[in-house]
Amino acid sequence: RRHMGFVFQQYNLMEEYNVLDNICMPVKLDQRKPDPEFLHTVLTAL
């Protein structure tokens, strides 16, 4: 969770959560808060 990212053919998104919650899920599972500036950068880039 801390050192690796995963992207699969199946998107593996959680249907009951919105886009923002899906994106932040691994960070929240690690009991951390997303870096707001970095989150904005990633959302903008994509």
All heavy atoms as atom14 arrays in JSON, in Angstrom:
{
  "sequence": "RRHMGFVFQQYNLMEEYNVLDNICMPVKLDQRKPDPEFLHTVLTAL",
  "atom14_mask": [
    [1, 1, 1, 1, 1, 1, 1, 1, 1, 1, 1, 0, 0, 0],
    [1, 1, 1, 1, 1, 1, 1, 1, 1, 1, 1, 0, 0, 0],
    [1, 1, 1, 1, 1, 1, 1, 1, 1, 1, 0, 0, 0, 0],
    [1, 1, 1, 1, 1, 1, 1, 1, 0, 0, 0, 0, 0, 0],
    [1, 1, 1, 1, 0, 0, 0, 0, 0, 0, 0, 0, 0, 0],
    [1, 1, 1, 1, 1, 1, 1, 1, 1, 1, 1, 0, 0, 0],
    [1, 1, 1, 1, 1, 1, 1, 0, 0, 0, 0, 0, 0, 0],
    [1, 1, 1, 1, 1, 1, 1, 1, 1, 1, 1, 0, 0, 0],
    [1, 1, 1, 1, 1, 1, 1, 1, 1, 0, 0, 0, 0, 0],
    [1, 1, 1, 1, 1, 1, 1, 1, 1, 0, 0, 0, 0, 0],
    [1, 1, 1, 1, 1, 1, 1, 1, 1, 1, 1, 1, 0, 0],
    [1, 1, 1, 1, 1, 1, 1, 1, 0, 0, 0, 0, 0, 0],
    [1, 1, 1, 1, 1, 1, 1, 1, 0, 0, 0, 0, 0, 0],
    [1, 1, 1, 1, 1, 1, 1, 1, 0, 0, 0, 0, 0, 0],
    [1, 1, 1, 1, 1, 1, 1, 1, 1, 0, 0, 0, 0, 0],
    [1, 1, 1, 1, 1, 1, 1, 1, 1, 0, 0, 0, 0, 0],
    [1, 1, 1, 1, 1, 1, 1, 1, 1, 1, 1, 1, 0, 0],
    [1, 1, 1, 1, 1, 1, 1, 1, 0, 0, 0, 0, 0, 0],
    [1, 1, 1, 1, 1, 1, 1, 0, 0, 0, 0, 0, 0, 0],
    [1, 1, 1, 1, 1, 1, 1, 1, 0, 0, 0, 0, 0, 0],
    [1, 1, 1, 1, 1, 1, 1, 1, 0, 0, 0, 0, 0, 0],
    [1, 1, 1, 1, 1, 1, 1, 1, 0, 0, 0, 0, 0, 0],
    [1, 1, 1, 1, 1, 1, 1, 1, 0, 0, 0, 0, 0, 0],
    [1, 1, 1, 1, 1, 1, 0, 0, 0, 0, 0, 0, 0, 0],
    [1, 1, 1, 1, 1, 1, 1, 1, 0, 0, 0, 0, 0, 0],
    [1, 1, 1, 1, 1, 1, 1, 0, 0, 0, 0, 0, 0, 0],
    [1, 1, 1, 1, 1, 1, 1, 0, 0, 0, 0, 0, 0, 0],
    [1, 1, 1, 1, 1, 1, 1, 1, 1, 0, 0, 0, 0, 0],
    [1, 1, 1, 1, 1, 1, 1, 1, 0, 0, 0, 0, 0, 0],
    [1, 1, 1, 1, 1, 1, 1, 1, 0, 0, 0, 0, 0, 0],
    [1, 1, 1, 1, 1, 1, 1, 1, 1, 0, 0, 0, 0, 0],
    [1, 1, 1, 1, 1, 1, 1, 1, 1, 1, 1, 0, 0, 0],
    [1, 1, 1, 1, 1, 1, 1, 1, 1, 0, 0, 0, 0, 0],
    [1, 1, 1, 1, 1, 1, 1, 0, 0, 0, 0, 0, 0, 0],
    [1, 1, 1, 1, 1, 1, 1, 1, 0, 0, 0, 0, 0, 0],
    [1, 1, 1, 1, 1, 1, 1, 0, 0, 0, 0, 0, 0, 0],
    [1, 1, 1, 1, 1, 1, 1, 1, 1, 0, 0, 0, 0, 0],
    [1, 1, 1, 1, 1, 1, 1, 1, 1, 1, 1, 0, 0, 0],
    [1, 1, 1, 1, 1, 1, 1, 1, 0, 0, 0, 0, 0, 0],
    [1, 1, 1, 1, 1, 1, 1, 1, 1, 1, 0, 0, 0, 0],
    [1, 1, 1, 1, 1, 1, 1, 0, 0, 0, 0, 0, 0, 0],
    [1, 1, 1, 1, 1, 1, 1, 0, 0, 0, 0, 0, 0, 0],
    [1, 1, 1, 1, 1, 1, 1, 1, 0, 0, 0, 0, 0, 0],
    [1, 1, 1, 1, 1, 1, 1, 0, 0, 0, 0, 0, 0, 0],
    [1, 1, 1, 1, 1, 0, 0, 0, 0, 0, 0, 0, 0, 0],
    [1, 1, 1, 1, 1, 1, 1, 1, 0, 0, 0, 0, 0, 0]
  ],
  "atom14_positions": [
    [[0.83, -1.21, 0.0], [0.0, 0.0, 0.0], [0.86, 1.26, 0.0], [0.52, 2.27, -0.6], [-0.9, -0.02, 1.23], [-2.33, 0.17, 0.9], [-3.34, 0.09, 1.98], [-2.95, 0.1, 3.35], [-3.23, -0.87, 4.22], [-3.86, -1.95, 3.83], [-2.88, -0.76, 5.47], [0.0, 0.0, 0.0], [0.0, 0.0, 0.0], [0.0, 0.0, 0.0]],
    [[1.99, 1.2, 0.68], [2.85, 2.39, 0.83], [3.83, 2.58, -0.32], [4.24, 3.72, -0.59], [3.62, 2.3, 2.15], [2.69, 2.45, 3.34], [3.42, 2.41, 4.66], [2.45, 2.57, 5.75], [2.72, 2.37, 7.03], [3.94, 2.0, 7.39], [1.8, 2.54, 7.94], [0.0, 0.0, 0.0], [0.0, 0.0, 0.0], [0.0, 0.0, 0.0]],
    [[4.25, 1.49, -0.95], [5.34, 1.6, -1.93], [4.97, 1.21, -3.35], [5.76, 1.42, -4.26], [6.53, 0.74, -1.47], [7.07, 1.14, -0.13], [7.73, 2.33, 0.08], [7.01, 0.51, 1.07], [8.08, 2.41, 1.35], [7.65, 1.33, 1.97], [0.0, 0.0, 0.0], [0.0, 0.0, 0.0], [0.0, 0.0, 0.0], [0.0, 0.0, 0.0]],
    [[3.79, 0.6, -3.53], [3.41, 0.1, -4.85], [2.02, 0.58, -5.23], [1.14, 0.69, -4.38], [3.41, -1.44, -4.85], [4.74, -2.07, -4.47], [4.56, -3.87, -4.33], [6.25, -4.32, -3.86], [0.0, 0.0, 0.0], [0.0, 0.0, 0.0], [0.0, 0.0, 0.0], [0.0, 0.0, 0.0], [0.0, 0.0, 0.0], [0.0, 0.0, 0.0]],
    [[1.84, 0.85, -6.52], [0.51, 1.16, -7.05], [0.13, 0.08, -8.04], [1.0, -0.53, -8.68], [0.0, 0.0, 0.0], [0.0, 0.0, 0.0], [0.0, 0.0, 0.0], [0.0, 0.0, 0.0], [0.0, 0.0, 0.0], [0.0, 0.0, 0.0], [0.0, 0.0, 0.0], [0.0, 0.0, 0.0], [0.0, 0.0, 0.0], [0.0, 0.0, 0.0]],
    [[-1.17, -0.18, -8.18], [-1.65, -1.25, -9.06], [-2.75, -0.74, -9.98], [-3.67, -0.06, -9.54], [-2.19, -2.43, -8.24], [-1.14, -3.13, -7.45], [-0.82, -2.71, -6.16], [-0.42, -4.2, -7.98], [0.17, -3.33, -5.42], [0.57, -4.83, -7.24], [0.87, -4.4, -5.97], [0.0, 0.0, 0.0], [0.0, 0.0, 0.0], [0.0, 0.0, 0.0]],
    [[-2.64, -1.09, -11.26], [-3.69, -0.8, -12.23], [-3.95, -2.11, -12.99], [-3.04, -2.68, -13.58], [-3.27, 0.29, -13.25], [-4.45, 0.66, -14.14], [-2.74, 1.54, -12.53], [0.0, 0.0, 0.0], [0.0, 0.0, 0.0], [0.0, 0.0, 0.0], [0.0, 0.0, 0.0], [0.0, 0.0, 0.0], [0.0, 0.0, 0.0], [0.0, 0.0, 0.0]],
    [[-5.21, -2.57, -12.94], [-5.56, -3.84, -13.58], [-6.49, -3.62, -14.76], [-7.05, -2.54, -14.94], [-6.22, -4.78, -12.56], [-5.32, -5.19, -11.42], [-5.45, -4.6, -10.17], [-4.34, -6.15, -11.6], [-4.62, -4.96, -9.12], [-3.5, -6.53, -10.56], [-3.64, -5.93, -9.32], [0.0, 0.0, 0.0], [0.0, 0.0, 0.0], [0.0, 0.0, 0.0]],
    [[-6.69, -4.68, -15.54], [-7.61, -4.6, -16.68], [-9.02, -4.31, -16.18], [-9.75, -3.51, -16.75], [-7.57, -5.93, -17.46], [-8.42, -5.92, -18.71], [-8.2, -7.14, -19.57], [-7.28, -7.92, -19.35], [-9.03, -7.33, -20.56], [0.0, 0.0, 0.0], [0.0, 0.0, 0.0], [0.0, 0.0, 0.0], [0.0, 0.0, 0.0], [0.0, 0.0, 0.0]],
    [[-9.42, -5.02, -15.11], [-10.7, -4.7, -14.46], [-10.41, -3.5, -13.55], [-9.43, -3.52, -12.83], [-11.19, -5.87, -13.61], [-11.22, -7.22, -14.33], [-12.06, -7.19, -15.6], [-13.0, -6.41, -15.72], [-11.71, -8.02, -16.56], [0.0, 0.0, 0.0], [0.0, 0.0, 0.0], [0.0, 0.0, 0.0], [0.0, 0.0, 0.0], [0.0, 0.0, 0.0]],
    [[-11.23, -2.5, -13.61], [-10.89, -1.24, -12.93], [-10.92, -1.37, -11.4], [-10.29, -0.6, -10.69], [-11.84, -0.12, -13.39], [-12.08, -0.13, -14.87], [-13.37, -0.25, -15.39], [-11.01, -0.07, -15.77], [-13.58, -0.3, -16.76], [-11.22, -0.11, -17.14], [-12.51, -0.23, -17.63], [-12.73, -0.28, -18.97], [0.0, 0.0, 0.0], [0.0, 0.0, 0.0]],
    [[-11.68, -2.39, -10.91], [-11.74, -2.65, -9.45], [-12.17, -1.42, -8.65], [-11.63, -1.17, -7.57], [-10.4, -3.18, -8.93], [-10.04, -4.53, -9.51], [-10.89, -5.2, -10.06], [-8.79, -4.92, -9.4], [0.0, 0.0, 0.0], [0.0, 0.0, 0.0], [0.0, 0.0, 0.0], [0.0, 0.0, 0.0], [0.0, 0.0, 0.0], [0.0, 0.0, 0.0]],
    [[-13.11, -0.66, -9.18], [-13.65, 0.48, -8.43], [-14.8, 0.0, -7.56], [-15.5, -0.95, -7.92], [-14.14, 1.58, -9.38], [-13.11, 2.15, -10.35], [-13.72, 3.29, -11.16], [-11.85, 2.65, -9.64], [0.0, 0.0, 0.0], [0.0, 0.0, 0.0], [0.0, 0.0, 0.0], [0.0, 0.0, 0.0], [0.0, 0.0, 0.0], [0.0, 0.0, 0.0]],
    [[-14.99, 0.66, -6.42], [-16.09, 0.3, -5.53], [-17.31, 1.1, -5.95], [-17.31, 2.34, -5.87], [-15.7, 0.55, -4.08], [-14.53, -0.33, -3.68], [-14.03, -0.11, -1.98], [-14.44, -1.67, -1.29], [0.0, 0.0, 0.0], [0.0, 0.0, 0.0], [0.0, 0.0, 0.0], [0.0, 0.0, 0.0], [0.0, 0.0, 0.0], [0.0, 0.0, 0.0]],
    [[-18.35, 0.4, -6.41], [-19.53, 1.03, -7.01], [-20.24, 1.98, -6.04], [-20.86, 2.95, -6.45], [-20.53, -0.04, -7.48], [-19.98, -1.03, -8.49], [-19.92, -0.47, -9.9], [-20.65, 0.5, -10.18], [-19.14, -1.0, -10.72], [0.0, 0.0, 0.0], [0.0, 0.0, 0.0], [0.0, 0.0, 0.0], [0.0, 0.0, 0.0], [0.0, 0.0, 0.0]],
    [[-20.17, 1.64, -4.72], [-20.94, 2.44, -3.74], [-20.23, 3.74, -3.34], [-20.79, 4.54, -2.61], [-21.28, 1.59, -2.51], [-20.09, 1.15, -1.66], [-19.45, -0.17, -2.13], [-19.52, -0.49, -3.32], [-18.86, -0.84, -1.27], [0.0, 0.0, 0.0], [0.0, 0.0, 0.0], [0.0, 0.0, 0.0], [0.0, 0.0, 0.0], [0.0, 0.0, 0.0]],
    [[-18.99, 3.91, -3.81], [-18.23, 5.13, -3.47], [-18.07, 6.0, -4.71], [-18.0, 5.5, -5.83], [-16.84, 4.77, -2.94], [-16.87, 4.09, -1.59], [-16.6, 2.72, -1.48], [-17.16, 4.8, -0.43], [-16.62, 2.09, -0.25], [-17.19, 4.17, 0.8], [-16.92, 2.82, 0.89], [-16.96, 2.19, 2.11], [0.0, 0.0, 0.0], [0.0, 0.0, 0.0]],
    [[-17.97, 7.31, -4.47], [-17.76, 8.2, -5.62], [-16.29, 8.18, -6.03], [-15.45, 7.53, -5.41], [-18.29, 9.61, -5.32], [-17.53, 10.33, -4.21], [-16.37, 10.01, -3.93], [-18.17, 11.29, -3.58], [0.0, 0.0, 0.0], [0.0, 0.0, 0.0], [0.0, 0.0, 0.0], [0.0, 0.0, 0.0], [0.0, 0.0, 0.0], [0.0, 0.0, 0.0]],
    [[-16.0, 8.91, -7.1], [-14.64, 8.93, -7.67], [-13.61, 9.34, -6.63], [-12.58, 8.67, -6.46], [-14.6, 9.9, -8.89], [-13.17, 10.27, -9.26], [-15.31, 9.26, -10.09], [0.0, 0.0, 0.0], [0.0, 0.0, 0.0], [0.0, 0.0, 0.0], [0.0, 0.0, 0.0], [0.0, 0.0, 0.0], [0.0, 0.0, 0.0], [0.0, 0.0, 0.0]],
    [[-13.87, 10.42, -5.9], [-12.9, 10.92, -4.92], [-12.62, 9.87, -3.85], [-11.46, 9.63, -3.49], [-13.42, 12.22, -4.29], [-12.44, 12.9, -3.33], [-11.17, 13.33, -4.05], [-13.1, 14.11, -2.66], [0.0, 0.0, 0.0], [0.0, 0.0, 0.0], [0.0, 0.0, 0.0], [0.0, 0.0, 0.0], [0.0, 0.0, 0.0], [0.0, 0.0, 0.0]],
    [[-13.68, 9.22, -3.34], [-13.49, 8.22, -2.29], [-12.72, 7.0, -2.82], [-11.9, 6.42, -2.11], [-14.84, 7.78, -1.71], [-15.46, 8.87, -0.83], [-14.7, 9.72, -0.32], [-16.69, 8.9, -0.68], [0.0, 0.0, 0.0], [0.0, 0.0, 0.0], [0.0, 0.0, 0.0], [0.0, 0.0, 0.0], [0.0, 0.0, 0.0], [0.0, 0.0, 0.0]],
    [[-13.0, 6.61, -4.06], [-12.27, 5.5, -4.67], [-10.78, 5.81, -4.77], [-9.93, 4.98, -4.45], [-12.83, 5.19, -6.07], [-13.86, 4.07, -6.05], [-13.52, 2.91, -5.85], [-15.12, 4.42, -6.25], [0.0, 0.0, 0.0], [0.0, 0.0, 0.0], [0.0, 0.0, 0.0], [0.0, 0.0, 0.0], [0.0, 0.0, 0.0], [0.0, 0.0, 0.0]],
    [[-10.47, 7.03, -5.2], [-9.07, 7.43, -5.39], [-8.34, 7.47, -4.04], [-7.17, 7.07, -3.94], [-9.0, 8.81, -6.09], [-9.46, 8.68, -7.55], [-7.58, 9.39, -6.03], [-9.66, 10.01, -8.26], [0.0, 0.0, 0.0], [0.0, 0.0, 0.0], [0.0, 0.0, 0.0], [0.0, 0.0, 0.0], [0.0, 0.0, 0.0], [0.0, 0.0, 0.0]],
    [[-9.02, 7.93, -3.01], [-8.37, 8.12, -1.7], [-8.35, 6.85, -0.85], [-7.72, 6.83, 0.22], [-9.09, 9.22, -0.92], [-8.93, 10.86, -1.69], [0.0, 0.0, 0.0], [0.0, 0.0, 0.0], [0.0, 0.0, 0.0], [0.0, 0.0, 0.0], [0.0, 0.0, 0.0], [0.0, 0.0, 0.0], [0.0, 0.0, 0.0], [0.0, 0.0, 0.0]],
    [[-9.01, 5.78, -1.32], [-9.17, 4.56, -0.51], [-7.85, 3.99, 0.04], [-7.74, 3.75, 1.24], [-9.91, 3.5, -1.34], [-10.3, 2.26, -0.58], [-11.61, 2.58, 0.61], [-12.95, 3.08, -0.47], [0.0, 0.0, 0.0], [0.0, 0.0, 0.0], [0.0, 0.0, 0.0], [0.0, 0.0, 0.0], [0.0, 0.0, 0.0], [0.0, 0.0, 0.0]],
    [[-6.8, 3.76, -0.79], [-5.58, 3.15, -0.23], [-4.92, 4.02, 0.85], [-4.39, 3.49, 1.84], [-4.65, 3.01, -1.45], [-5.55, 3.07, -2.63], [-6.68, 3.97, -2.24], [0.0, 0.0, 0.0], [0.0, 0.0, 0.0], [0.0, 0.0, 0.0], [0.0, 0.0, 0.0], [0.0, 0.0, 0.0], [0.0, 0.0, 0.0], [0.0, 0.0, 0.0]],
    [[-4.97, 5.34, 0.66], [-4.36, 6.25, 1.65], [-5.15, 6.18, 2.95], [-4.58, 6.12, 4.04], [-4.32, 7.7, 1.1], [-3.77, 8.66, 2.13], [-3.47, 7.76, -0.17], [0.0, 0.0, 0.0], [0.0, 0.0, 0.0], [0.0, 0.0, 0.0], [0.0, 0.0, 0.0], [0.0, 0.0, 0.0], [0.0, 0.0, 0.0], [0.0, 0.0, 0.0]],
    [[-6.49, 6.16, 2.84], [-7.33, 6.1, 4.04], [-7.19, 4.76, 4.75], [-7.23, 4.69, 5.97], [-8.79, 6.38, 3.66], [-9.02, 7.85, 3.31], [-10.46, 8.15, 2.97], [-10.66, 9.64, 2.76], [-12.0, 9.95, 2.22], [0.0, 0.0, 0.0], [0.0, 0.0, 0.0], [0.0, 0.0, 0.0], [0.0, 0.0, 0.0], [0.0, 0.0, 0.0]],
    [[-7.02, 3.68, 3.97], [-6.81, 2.36, 4.58], [-5.53, 2.36, 5.41], [-5.41, 1.62, 6.38], [-6.71, 1.28, 3.49], [-8.03, 0.79, 2.88], [-7.75, -0.11, 1.7], [-8.88, 0.05, 3.92], [0.0, 0.0, 0.0], [0.0, 0.0, 0.0], [0.0, 0.0, 0.0], [0.0, 0.0, 0.0], [0.0, 0.0, 0.0], [0.0, 0.0, 0.0]],
    [[-4.59, 3.2, 5.0], [-3.32, 3.33, 5.72], [-3.44, 4.32, 6.88], [-2.45, 4.67, 7.5], [-2.24, 3.8, 4.73], [-0.87, 3.22, 5.06], [-0.82, 2.18, 5.74], [0.13, 3.81, 4.64], [0.0, 0.0, 0.0], [0.0, 0.0, 0.0], [0.0, 0.0, 0.0], [0.0, 0.0, 0.0], [0.0, 0.0, 0.0], [0.0, 0.0, 0.0]],
    [[-4.67, 4.76, 7.12], [-4.98, 5.72, 8.2], [-4.17, 7.01, 8.07], [-3.67, 7.56, 9.05], [-4.77, 5.07, 9.57], [-5.74, 3.9, 9.76], [-5.54, 3.15, 11.05], [-4.43, 3.04, 11.56], [-6.61, 2.61, 11.59], [0.0, 0.0, 0.0], [0.0, 0.0, 0.0], [0.0, 0.0, 0.0], [0.0, 0.0, 0.0], [0.0, 0.0, 0.0]],
    [[-4.05, 7.44, 6.79], [-3.4, 8.73, 6.52], [-4.4, 9.62, 5.79], [-5.39, 9.15, 5.25], [-2.16, 8.52, 5.64], [-1.04, 7.78, 6.32], [0.19, 7.66, 5.42], [-0.06, 6.77, 4.29], [0.46, 6.97, 3.07], [1.2, 8.03, 2.82], [0.21, 6.11, 2.1], [0.0, 0.0, 0.0], [0.0, 0.0, 0.0], [0.0, 0.0, 0.0]],
    [[-4.09, 10.89, 5.77], [-4.92, 11.82, 5.01], [-4.22, 12.12, 3.69], [-3.0, 12.28, 3.66], [-5.11, 13.13, 5.79], [-6.08, 12.99, 6.94], [-6.38, 14.33, 7.58], [-7.46, 14.14, 8.65], [-7.55, 15.3, 9.53], [0.0, 0.0, 0.0], [0.0, 0.0, 0.0], [0.0, 0.0, 0.0], [0.0, 0.0, 0.0], [0.0, 0.0, 0.0]],
    [[-4.99, 12.2, 2.59], [-4.35, 12.54, 1.32], [-3.73, 13.94, 1.39], [-4.27, 14.82, 2.05], [-5.51, 12.53, 0.31], [-6.64, 11.83, 1.0], [-6.43, 12.01, 2.46], [0.0, 0.0, 0.0], [0.0, 0.0, 0.0], [0.0, 0.0, 0.0], [0.0, 0.0, 0.0], [0.0, 0.0, 0.0], [0.0, 0.0, 0.0], [0.0, 0.0, 0.0]],
    [[-2.59, 14.1, 0.74], [-1.96, 15.41, 0.61], [-2.82, 16.22, -0.36], [-2.91, 15.89, -1.54], [-0.54, 15.2, 0.05], [0.16, 16.48, -0.35], [-0.51, 17.53, -0.48], [1.39, 16.44, -0.55], [0.0, 0.0, 0.0], [0.0, 0.0, 0.0], [0.0, 0.0, 0.0], [0.0, 0.0, 0.0], [0.0, 0.0, 0.0], [0.0, 0.0, 0.0]],
    [[-3.54, 17.29, 0.13], [-4.52, 17.98, -0.72], [-3.91, 18.57, -2.0], [-4.53, 18.52, -3.06], [-5.09, 19.08, 0.18], [-4.25, 19.12, 1.4], [-3.47, 17.85, 1.48], [0.0, 0.0, 0.0], [0.0, 0.0, 0.0], [0.0, 0.0, 0.0], [0.0, 0.0, 0.0], [0.0, 0.0, 0.0], [0.0, 0.0, 0.0], [0.0, 0.0, 0.0]],
    [[-2.69, 19.07, -1.88], [-2.05, 19.68, -3.04], [-1.73, 18.6, -4.09], [-1.97, 18.78, -5.3], [-0.75, 20.37, -2.6], [-0.27, 21.44, -3.56], [0.94, 22.18, -3.01], [0.89, 22.67, -1.86], [1.94, 22.24, -3.73], [0.0, 0.0, 0.0], [0.0, 0.0, 0.0], [0.0, 0.0, 0.0], [0.0, 0.0, 0.0], [0.0, 0.0, 0.0]],
    [[-1.22, 17.46, -3.61], [-0.87, 16.38, -4.52], [-2.14, 15.78, -5.14], [-2.17, 15.45, -6.33], [-0.06, 15.31, -3.78], [0.49, 14.24, -4.68], [1.4, 14.56, -5.68], [0.11, 12.91, -4.53], [1.92, 13.57, -6.53], [0.61, 11.92, -5.37], [1.53, 12.27, -6.37], [0.0, 0.0, 0.0], [0.0, 0.0, 0.0], [0.0, 0.0, 0.0]],
    [[-3.19, 15.64, -4.33], [-4.47, 15.14, -4.83], [-4.98, 16.02, -5.97], [-5.39, 15.52, -7.02], [-5.5, 15.1, -3.69], [-6.94, 14.74, -4.07], [-7.01, 13.34, -4.69], [-7.86, 14.83, -2.86], [0.0, 0.0, 0.0], [0.0, 0.0, 0.0], [0.0, 0.0, 0.0], [0.0, 0.0, 0.0], [0.0, 0.0, 0.0], [0.0, 0.0, 0.0]],
    [[-4.88, 17.33, -5.79], [-5.32, 18.27, -6.83], [-4.48, 18.1, -8.1], [-5.01, 18.1, -9.22], [-5.23, 19.72, -6.3], [-5.83, 20.72, -7.23], [-5.1, 21.33, -8.25], [-7.09, 21.21, -7.32], [-5.89, 22.16, -8.91], [-7.1, 22.11, -8.37], [0.0, 0.0, 0.0], [0.0, 0.0, 0.0], [0.0, 0.0, 0.0], [0.0, 0.0, 0.0]],
    [[-3.16, 17.93, -7.91], [-2.25, 17.72, -9.05], [-2.63, 16.46, -9.83], [-2.69, 16.47, -11.06], [-0.79, 17.59, -8.54], [-0.44, 18.78, -7.84], [0.19, 17.39, -9.69], [0.0, 0.0, 0.0], [0.0, 0.0, 0.0], [0.0, 0.0, 0.0], [0.0, 0.0, 0.0], [0.0, 0.0, 0.0], [0.0, 0.0, 0.0], [0.0, 0.0, 0.0]],
    [[-2.9, 15.37, -9.1], [-3.24, 14.08, -9.74], [-4.58, 14.19, -10.47], [-4.72, 13.76, -11.62], [-3.27, 12.94, -8.68], [-3.86, 11.67, -9.26], [-1.85, 12.67, -8.17], [0.0, 0.0, 0.0], [0.0, 0.0, 0.0], [0.0, 0.0, 0.0], [0.0, 0.0, 0.0], [0.0, 0.0, 0.0], [0.0, 0.0, 0.0], [0.0, 0.0, 0.0]],
    [[-5.58, 14.79, -9.8], [-6.9, 14.95, -10.42], [-6.81, 15.8, -11.68], [-7.43, 15.48, -12.7], [-7.88, 15.6, -9.43], [-8.34, 14.73, -8.25], [-9.06, 15.57, -7.21], [-9.26, 13.6, -8.73], [0.0, 0.0, 0.0], [0.0, 0.0, 0.0], [0.0, 0.0, 0.0], [0.0, 0.0, 0.0], [0.0, 0.0, 0.0], [0.0, 0.0, 0.0]],
    [[-5.99, 16.84, -11.63], [-5.82, 17.71, -12.79], [-5.13, 16.97, -13.93], [-5.56, 17.01, -15.08], [-5.0, 18.97, -12.41], [-5.64, 19.62, -11.31], [-4.9, 19.95, -13.56], [0.0, 0.0, 0.0], [0.0, 0.0, 0.0], [0.0, 0.0, 0.0], [0.0, 0.0, 0.0], [0.0, 0.0, 0.0], [0.0, 0.0, 0.0], [0.0, 0.0, 0.0]],
    [[-4.04, 16.25, -13.59], [-3.26, 15.54, -14.61], [-4.11, 14.51, -15.34], [-3.92, 14.27, -16.53], [-2.05, 14.85, -13.96], [0.0, 0.0, 0.0], [0.0, 0.0, 0.0], [0.0, 0.0, 0.0], [0.0, 0.0, 0.0], [0.0, 0.0, 0.0], [0.0, 0.0, 0.0], [0.0, 0.0, 0.0], [0.0, 0.0, 0.0], [0.0, 0.0, 0.0]],
    [[-5.06, 13.91, -14.63], [-5.87, 12.84, -15.22], [-7.26, 13.32, -15.67], [-8.11, 12.5, -16.03], [-5.99, 11.68, -14.24], [-4.69, 10.89, -14.08], [-4.65, 10.09, -12.81], [-4.48, 9.96, -15.28], [0.0, 0.0, 0.0], [0.0, 0.0, 0.0], [0.0, 0.0, 0.0], [0.0, 0.0, 0.0], [0.0, 0.0, 0.0], [0.0, 0.0, 0.0]]
  ]
}
